Amino acid sequence: MRENMQAVRRAMQQMLPLVLVLTWLYLMQQLFLRPDGYFAVTLGYGRHIMSSFGEINRVMTLFLDKGFQIMGVLVIVLAIQKRLQDEFQGHQQTILLTLVTLVSWQMLNTTASLMNLAILPLMVFAIMVPIQSVKPRHQYLVAILVTLLIGAYAVTLHSWLKLSLFGLLQQGLVALIGDGSTELWQTWLWVLIAVLGNWFGLNAVAGVIRPDISATAANENLVAALQHQTIPHVFSLYPLSAFVWFGGAGLMLALLITYLIQARNKPLPVLLILTIIPTFFDQWWALAFALPIMWNWRVLKTMLMASTVNLGIGALLLALHLAPAVYWVPSGTPTILFGGLASHNMLLYVLVMIGLLALDVVIFWRVVQELHKSGEVAYA
């Protein structure tokens, strides 16, 4: 099991240059080419985007979809090639890897699967575990049969039934969230689920559990603020997201800052440096390819602890009448600025964010030291 996971991580690190290109393009699209994008709104040209950049947007979206799909296929194929390089040679390896490529493409041939990184190790495990469970003389036959079965499943689900398990998961979460969390315990539970989703590679989870002004609870807060009434849902997800989403669910930005502080006397890989700005804007995928933070139990425990501490401090500050985040902000606004912009109280929130990040660095310190010692850093 460990060898299979290490093979997946090594393959992900090999794909870091491609993931960086795709992440930066996605970030540019979100910030500049969406009508409600951060810079499109702040620079005042958002209303002209559909007429001026509509075709560019469509082409870029298609390019990103296929780019992430190709990346996922390459990770799966490279990981399996690494694990089976001694078992199968020549035409056997060529046939199997070709089949794995076709099946992986079909498995990832749905928008809901893109960037749901959990599918990468799951595909590798689904193929490798049966192979490793039989005698060597049967391994090639088992490899072909298992790959064909996965392919049949993918064709049936995606091409014939037009279904996606990740899409169904998102729909289920939307139904469970309903009008949005209104109590502190509900918000805490959803934050922990989002952290677990990010760690496991289920972007379908963390992508749904995000601050959404259209949620009933957030909308009622906004109406109350505009009418100068008492905010009814101070501890709902929208106001408290300002304290727990730095770099994405799991406080990826705090983890990266901790890593950079500990590596201050060492030469940093250029590709790791290029993950800083995307992580600042909550696009953490490239960081997950550069550092072994996904599917790492110690990292998960630390993420859950830091998120709980931040949520508790944020709830305490709101109880002490810190202005809650209730107003709309442009899409792509980094969480580090979200609270200040959505509360119209930037100075106080900047001070709070600095304090929370400093505390998070302390919480992440030990687990990041272990990441340094592991040596599993892309292009270190």
Protein backbone atom coordinates (compact mmCIF):
# COMPACT_ATOMS: atom_id res chain seq x y z
CA MET A 1 0.00 0.00 0.00
CA ARG A 2 2.75 2.44 0.95
CA GLU A 3 4.70 1.71 -2.24
CA ASN A 4 1.61 2.41 -4.34
CA MET A 5 1.02 5.73 -2.59
CA GLN A 6 4.66 6.72 -3.00
CA ALA A 7 4.44 5.93 -6.71
CA VAL A 8 1.39 8.21 -7.00
CA ARG A 9 3.18 11.03 -5.16
CA ARG A 10 6.27 10.71 -7.34
CA ALA A 11 4.12 10.82 -10.45
CA MET A 12 2.31 13.90 -9.12
CA GLN A 13 5.62 15.63 -8.53
CA GLN A 14 6.68 14.85 -12.10
CA MET A 15 3.49 16.58 -13.27
CA LEU A 16 4.11 19.72 -11.18
CA PRO A 17 5.24 21.89 -14.16
CA LEU A 18 2.03 21.06 -16.06
CA VAL A 19 -0.13 21.59 -12.96
CA LEU A 20 1.50 24.98 -12.36
CA VAL A 21 0.72 26.10 -15.91
CA LEU A 22 -2.89 24.96 -15.58
CA THR A 23 -3.28 26.47 -12.10
CA TRP A 24 -1.92 29.85 -13.20
CA LEU A 25 -4.20 29.88 -16.26
CA TYR A 26 -7.19 28.95 -14.11
CA LEU A 27 -6.28 31.69 -11.63
CA MET A 28 -5.98 34.29 -14.41
CA GLN A 29 -9.37 33.25 -15.76
CA GLN A 30 -11.02 33.48 -12.33
CA LEU A 31 -9.49 36.87 -11.53
CA PHE A 32 -9.56 38.64 -14.90
CA LEU A 33 -11.96 36.90 -17.32
CA ARG A 34 -15.06 36.30 -15.19
CA PRO A 35 -17.64 39.12 -15.00
CA ASP A 36 -17.57 38.82 -11.19
CA GLY A 37 -13.82 38.15 -11.00
CA TYR A 38 -11.74 40.01 -8.44
CA PHE A 39 -9.81 42.26 -10.81
CA ALA A 40 -12.65 42.48 -13.35
CA VAL A 41 -14.78 44.06 -10.61
CA THR A 42 -12.13 46.17 -8.90
CA LEU A 43 -10.85 47.54 -12.23
CA GLY A 44 -14.38 48.14 -13.49
CA TYR A 45 -14.45 46.20 -16.76
CA GLY A 46 -16.50 43.19 -15.62
CA ARG A 47 -19.68 44.26 -17.46
CA HIS A 48 -17.82 44.16 -20.80
CA ILE A 49 -16.38 40.66 -20.40
CA MET A 50 -19.14 38.65 -22.06
CA SER A 51 -18.91 40.68 -25.27
CA SER A 52 -15.13 41.15 -25.30
CA PHE A 53 -13.77 37.92 -23.82
CA GLY A 54 -16.62 35.42 -24.19
CA GLU A 55 -14.92 33.30 -26.84
CA ILE A 56 -11.55 33.46 -25.07
CA ASN A 57 -13.26 32.28 -21.90
CA ARG A 58 -14.85 29.30 -23.63
CA VAL A 59 -11.58 28.27 -25.29
CA MET A 60 -9.66 28.60 -22.03
CA THR A 61 -12.26 26.59 -20.13
CA LEU A 62 -12.01 23.77 -22.68
CA PHE A 63 -8.21 23.93 -22.58
CA LEU A 64 -8.19 23.73 -18.77
CA ASP A 65 -10.68 20.85 -18.71
CA LYS A 66 -8.62 18.78 -21.14
CA GLY A 67 -5.36 19.86 -19.52
CA PHE A 68 -6.40 18.63 -16.09
CA GLN A 69 -7.74 15.45 -17.68
CA ILE A 70 -4.41 14.79 -19.42
CA MET A 71 -2.56 15.52 -16.18
CA GLY A 72 -4.65 12.98 -14.27
CA VAL A 73 -4.14 10.31 -16.94
CA LEU A 74 -0.37 10.86 -16.90
CA VAL A 75 -0.19 10.57 -13.10
CA ILE A 76 -2.06 7.25 -13.15
CA VAL A 77 -0.01 5.83 -16.03
CA LEU A 78 3.35 6.95 -14.61
CA ALA A 79 2.52 5.52 -11.17
CA ILE A 80 1.49 2.14 -12.59
CA GLN A 81 4.51 2.07 -14.91
CA LYS A 82 6.77 2.68 -11.92
CA ARG A 83 5.17 -0.10 -9.88
CA LEU A 84 5.16 -2.68 -12.70
CA GLN A 85 8.45 -1.91 -14.43
CA ASP A 86 10.02 -5.10 -13.06
CA GLU A 87 6.97 -7.37 -13.52
CA PHE A 88 6.08 -6.70 -17.16
CA GLN A 89 8.45 -5.99 -20.04
CA GLY A 90 8.21 -5.22 -23.74
CA HIS A 91 4.85 -5.65 -25.44
CA GLN A 92 3.11 -6.70 -22.21
CA GLN A 93 3.90 -3.37 -20.57
CA THR A 94 3.03 -1.43 -23.74
CA ILE A 95 -0.38 -3.10 -24.10
CA LEU A 96 -1.25 -2.70 -20.43
CA LEU A 97 -0.20 0.97 -20.23
CA THR A 98 -2.10 1.77 -23.43
CA LEU A 99 -5.19 0.17 -21.96
CA VAL A 100 -4.71 2.02 -18.66
CA THR A 101 -4.37 5.29 -20.59
CA LEU A 102 -7.67 4.76 -22.43
CA VAL A 103 -9.52 3.69 -19.29
CA SER A 104 -8.10 6.57 -17.23
CA TRP A 105 -9.16 9.05 -19.91
CA GLN A 106 -12.70 7.69 -19.74
CA MET A 107 -12.71 7.78 -15.93
CA LEU A 108 -11.67 11.44 -15.97
CA ASN A 109 -13.93 12.36 -18.89
CA THR A 110 -16.36 14.34 -16.76
CA THR A 111 -16.14 17.89 -15.46
CA ALA A 112 -17.08 16.77 -11.95
CA SER A 113 -13.97 14.54 -11.85
CA LEU A 114 -11.52 17.31 -12.69
CA MET A 115 -9.26 18.17 -9.77
CA ASN A 116 -10.92 15.51 -7.61
CA LEU A 117 -7.46 14.12 -6.97
CA ALA A 118 -8.78 11.18 -4.95
CA ILE A 119 -9.36 9.35 -8.22
CA LEU A 120 -5.59 9.18 -8.86
CA PRO A 121 -4.61 6.84 -5.99
CA LEU A 122 -7.96 5.04 -6.18
CA MET A 123 -7.32 4.09 -9.81
CA VAL A 124 -3.78 2.95 -9.03
CA PHE A 125 -4.94 0.91 -6.01
CA ALA A 126 -7.83 -0.62 -7.98
CA ILE A 127 -5.35 -1.96 -10.55
CA MET A 128 -2.37 -2.75 -8.33
CA VAL A 129 -4.03 -4.48 -5.35
CA PRO A 130 -5.52 -7.37 -7.41
CA ILE A 131 -2.20 -7.76 -9.28
CA GLN A 132 -0.26 -7.99 -6.02
CA SER A 133 -2.76 -10.51 -4.63
CA VAL A 134 -2.08 -13.27 -7.19
CA LYS A 135 0.89 -15.38 -8.20
CA PRO A 136 3.36 -13.85 -10.69
CA ARG A 137 2.26 -16.08 -13.58
CA HIS A 138 -1.31 -14.75 -13.29
CA GLN A 139 -0.48 -11.08 -12.78
CA TYR A 140 -0.62 -9.96 -16.41
CA LEU A 141 -4.01 -11.59 -17.02
CA VAL A 142 -5.39 -10.09 -13.81
CA ALA A 143 -4.02 -6.66 -14.76
CA ILE A 144 -5.79 -6.76 -18.14
CA LEU A 145 -9.07 -8.05 -16.69
CA VAL A 146 -9.16 -5.50 -13.86
CA THR A 147 -8.39 -2.63 -16.24
CA LEU A 148 -11.15 -3.78 -18.62
CA LEU A 149 -13.63 -4.00 -15.73
CA ILE A 150 -12.78 -0.45 -14.66
CA GLY A 151 -13.18 0.65 -18.27
CA ALA A 152 -16.61 -1.01 -18.50
CA TYR A 153 -17.64 0.74 -15.29
CA ALA A 154 -16.45 4.13 -16.61
CA VAL A 155 -18.20 3.73 -19.98
CA THR A 156 -21.44 2.59 -18.34
CA LEU A 157 -21.48 5.37 -15.75
CA HIS A 158 -20.14 8.31 -17.76
CA SER A 159 -21.06 7.60 -21.39
CA TRP A 160 -24.31 5.61 -21.13
CA LEU A 161 -25.88 6.76 -17.86
CA LYS A 162 -24.30 10.24 -17.99
CA LEU A 163 -23.65 10.08 -14.25
CA SER A 164 -20.73 11.12 -12.07
CA LEU A 165 -20.18 9.93 -8.52
CA PHE A 166 -18.46 13.23 -7.74
CA GLY A 167 -21.41 15.12 -9.20
CA LEU A 168 -23.84 13.07 -7.11
CA LEU A 169 -21.70 13.75 -4.05
CA GLN A 170 -21.90 17.49 -4.72
CA GLN A 171 -25.67 17.33 -5.15
CA GLY A 172 -26.00 15.42 -1.89
CA LEU A 173 -23.90 17.99 -0.03
CA VAL A 174 -25.91 20.87 -1.47
CA ALA A 175 -29.08 19.17 -0.25
CA LEU A 176 -27.58 18.62 3.22
CA ILE A 177 -26.31 22.19 3.53
CA GLY A 178 -29.72 23.49 2.51
CA ASP A 179 -30.15 27.09 3.63
CA GLY A 180 -26.64 27.16 5.08
CA SER A 181 -25.33 26.64 8.59
CA THR A 182 -26.84 28.89 11.24
CA GLU A 183 -25.25 27.51 14.41
CA LEU A 184 -21.60 27.39 15.42
CA TRP A 185 -21.53 23.59 15.74
CA GLN A 186 -22.95 23.25 12.22
CA THR A 187 -20.31 25.55 10.78
CA TRP A 188 -17.56 23.69 12.64
CA LEU A 189 -18.83 20.36 11.28
CA TRP A 190 -18.93 21.64 7.68
CA VAL A 191 -15.45 23.14 7.99
CA LEU A 192 -14.06 19.81 9.24
CA ILE A 193 -15.78 17.99 6.36
CA ALA A 194 -14.27 20.47 3.88
CA VAL A 195 -10.79 19.96 5.37
CA LEU A 196 -11.21 16.19 5.17
CA GLY A 197 -12.41 16.54 1.58
CA ASN A 198 -9.37 18.61 0.57
CA TRP A 199 -6.98 16.22 2.28
CA PHE A 200 -8.54 13.18 0.63
CA GLY A 201 -8.62 14.93 -2.75
CA LEU A 202 -12.37 15.45 -3.05
CA ASN A 203 -12.64 18.92 -4.49
CA ALA A 204 -16.33 18.09 -4.95
CA VAL A 205 -16.64 18.43 -1.15
CA ALA A 206 -14.58 21.55 -0.48
CA GLY A 207 -15.93 23.17 -3.65
CA VAL A 208 -19.48 23.07 -2.27
CA ILE A 209 -18.67 24.04 1.32
CA ARG A 210 -17.54 27.57 0.54
CA PRO A 211 -18.82 31.01 1.56
CA ASP A 212 -21.84 31.65 -0.67
CA ILE A 213 -23.73 34.93 -0.43
CA SER A 214 -26.72 33.32 -2.16
CA ALA A 215 -27.25 30.88 0.72
CA THR A 216 -30.33 31.79 2.75
CA ALA A 217 -28.41 32.36 5.99
CA ALA A 218 -25.85 34.62 4.28
CA ASN A 219 -28.58 36.49 2.40
CA GLU A 220 -30.52 37.13 5.60
CA ASN A 221 -27.34 38.50 7.18
CA LEU A 222 -26.85 40.83 4.20
CA VAL A 223 -30.43 42.11 4.31
CA ALA A 224 -30.15 42.75 8.05
CA ALA A 225 -26.89 44.66 7.58
CA LEU A 226 -28.35 46.82 4.80
CA GLN A 227 -31.35 47.61 7.00
CA HIS A 228 -29.08 48.31 10.00
CA GLN A 229 -30.64 45.50 12.01
CA THR A 230 -29.01 42.86 14.23
CA ILE A 231 -27.20 40.18 12.20
CA PRO A 232 -29.27 36.99 12.71
CA HIS A 233 -26.67 34.34 11.84
CA VAL A 234 -23.32 35.60 13.12
CA PHE A 235 -21.88 32.08 13.41
CA SER A 236 -22.92 30.86 9.96
CA LEU A 237 -20.41 29.69 7.37
CA TYR A 238 -20.13 32.98 5.44
CA PRO A 239 -18.88 35.17 8.35
CA LEU A 240 -16.69 32.45 9.87
CA SER A 241 -15.07 31.51 6.54
CA ALA A 242 -12.96 34.63 6.92
CA PHE A 243 -10.98 32.85 9.65
CA VAL A 244 -10.58 29.29 8.35
CA TRP A 245 -9.98 29.29 4.59
CA PHE A 246 -6.47 30.73 4.10
CA GLY A 247 -5.20 29.01 0.97
CA GLY A 248 -8.23 26.70 0.90
CA ALA A 249 -9.80 24.32 3.39
CA GLY A 250 -7.09 23.08 5.73
CA LEU A 251 -5.22 26.42 5.88
CA MET A 252 -2.83 25.57 3.05
CA LEU A 253 -1.42 29.11 3.05
CA ALA A 254 -0.35 28.76 6.69
CA LEU A 255 1.28 25.42 5.89
CA LEU A 256 3.19 26.93 2.97
CA ILE A 257 4.34 29.93 5.02
CA THR A 258 5.60 27.56 7.72
CA TYR A 259 7.49 25.56 5.11
CA LEU A 260 9.08 28.70 3.65
CA ILE A 261 10.13 29.96 7.09
CA GLN A 262 11.82 26.67 7.92
CA ALA A 263 13.55 26.62 4.53
CA ARG A 264 14.74 30.24 4.72
CA ASN A 265 18.42 29.25 4.77
CA LYS A 266 18.09 26.73 1.95
CA PRO A 267 17.76 27.24 -1.81
CA LEU A 268 14.10 26.77 -2.70
CA PRO A 269 13.00 24.96 -5.86
CA VAL A 270 11.67 27.47 -8.39
CA LEU A 271 8.56 25.37 -8.95
CA LEU A 272 7.74 25.50 -5.24
CA ILE A 273 8.12 29.29 -5.29
CA LEU A 274 5.63 29.44 -8.17
CA THR A 275 2.97 27.88 -5.91
CA ILE A 276 2.97 30.88 -3.54
CA ILE A 277 0.67 33.26 -5.44
CA PRO A 278 -1.89 30.58 -6.41
CA THR A 279 -2.01 29.43 -2.78
CA PHE A 280 -2.49 33.04 -1.64
CA PHE A 281 -5.56 33.11 -3.89
CA ASP A 282 -6.79 29.80 -2.39
CA GLN A 283 -5.76 27.67 -5.41
CA TRP A 284 -3.79 25.00 -3.54
CA TRP A 285 -3.59 22.22 -6.16
CA ALA A 286 -0.03 22.95 -7.25
CA LEU A 287 1.13 22.96 -3.61
CA ALA A 288 -0.40 19.49 -3.18
CA PHE A 289 1.73 18.29 -6.10
CA ALA A 290 4.89 19.91 -4.71
CA LEU A 291 4.64 18.70 -1.10
CA PRO A 292 3.41 15.34 0.27
CA ILE A 293 0.51 16.87 2.20
CA MET A 294 -2.38 14.84 0.79
CA TRP A 295 -3.16 11.40 2.25
CA ASN A 296 -0.77 12.18 5.15
CA TRP A 297 -2.41 11.46 8.52
CA ARG A 298 -0.17 13.82 10.51
CA VAL A 299 -0.93 16.68 8.13
CA LEU A 300 -4.67 15.96 8.39
CA LYS A 301 -4.63 16.04 12.20
CA THR A 302 -2.78 19.35 12.16
CA MET A 303 -5.16 20.84 9.59
CA LEU A 304 -8.16 19.86 11.70
CA MET A 305 -6.57 21.28 14.84
CA ALA A 306 -5.58 24.58 13.23
CA SER A 307 -8.99 24.99 11.58
CA THR A 308 -10.76 24.34 14.89
CA VAL A 309 -8.55 26.85 16.73
CA ASN A 310 -9.10 29.50 14.06
CA LEU A 311 -12.84 28.89 14.04
CA GLY A 312 -13.00 29.18 17.83
CA ILE A 313 -11.04 32.44 17.86
CA GLY A 314 -13.13 33.83 15.02
CA ALA A 315 -16.37 32.93 16.83
CA LEU A 316 -15.08 34.56 20.02
CA LEU A 317 -14.17 37.76 18.17
CA LEU A 318 -17.59 37.87 16.51
CA ALA A 319 -19.23 37.33 19.90
CA LEU A 320 -17.20 40.32 21.12
CA HIS A 321 -18.78 42.36 18.31
CA LEU A 322 -16.13 42.27 15.62
CA ALA A 323 -17.98 43.32 12.46
CA PRO A 324 -18.99 40.08 10.68
CA ALA A 325 -18.36 39.42 6.98
CA VAL A 326 -21.80 39.85 5.42
CA TYR A 327 -21.32 41.75 2.15
CA TRP A 328 -20.72 40.40 -1.35
CA VAL A 329 -17.12 40.19 -2.58
CA PRO A 330 -15.84 39.47 -6.11
CA SER A 331 -15.17 35.88 -7.16
CA GLY A 332 -11.56 34.90 -6.55
CA THR A 333 -11.07 37.23 -3.58
CA PRO A 334 -8.35 35.63 -1.44
CA THR A 335 -9.63 34.59 1.96
CA ILE A 336 -6.89 36.61 3.60
CA LEU A 337 -8.76 39.72 2.33
CA PHE A 338 -12.28 38.29 2.40
CA GLY A 339 -13.13 39.26 5.97
CA GLY A 340 -11.99 42.86 5.59
CA LEU A 341 -13.77 43.40 2.28
CA ALA A 342 -16.98 41.61 3.29
CA SER A 343 -17.21 43.46 6.62
CA HIS A 344 -16.04 46.90 5.42
CA ASN A 345 -13.56 46.80 8.30
CA MET A 346 -10.25 46.03 6.59
CA LEU A 347 -7.78 47.28 9.21
CA LEU A 348 -9.11 45.18 12.09
CA TYR A 349 -9.36 42.08 9.93
CA VAL A 350 -5.81 42.50 8.63
CA LEU A 351 -4.56 42.54 12.23
CA VAL A 352 -6.66 39.48 13.07
CA MET A 353 -5.43 37.62 9.96
CA ILE A 354 -1.80 38.33 10.82
CA GLY A 355 -2.34 37.05 14.36
CA LEU A 356 -4.11 33.90 13.17
CA LEU A 357 -1.44 33.14 10.58
CA ALA A 358 1.26 33.51 13.23
CA LEU A 359 -0.63 31.09 15.49
CA ASP A 360 -1.16 28.67 12.60
CA VAL A 361 2.56 28.67 11.86
CA VAL A 362 3.17 27.54 15.45
CA ILE A 363 0.56 24.77 15.08
CA PHE A 364 1.99 23.57 11.75
CA TRP A 365 5.63 23.82 12.84
CA ARG A 366 6.24 20.22 13.90
CA VAL A 367 4.44 18.51 11.01
CA VAL A 368 6.21 20.75 8.49
CA GLN A 369 9.54 19.78 10.04
CA GLU A 370 8.62 16.18 9.25
CA LEU A 371 7.88 17.18 5.64
CA HIS A 372 11.36 18.69 5.42
CA LYS A 373 12.94 15.55 6.83
CA SER A 374 11.02 13.32 4.42
CA GLY A 375 12.81 14.91 1.47
CA GLU A 376 9.69 14.36 -0.66
CA VAL A 377 9.64 17.80 -2.25
CA ALA A 378 9.29 18.21 -6.00
CA TYR A 379 12.64 19.14 -7.58
CA ALA A 380 14.26 19.60 -4.18
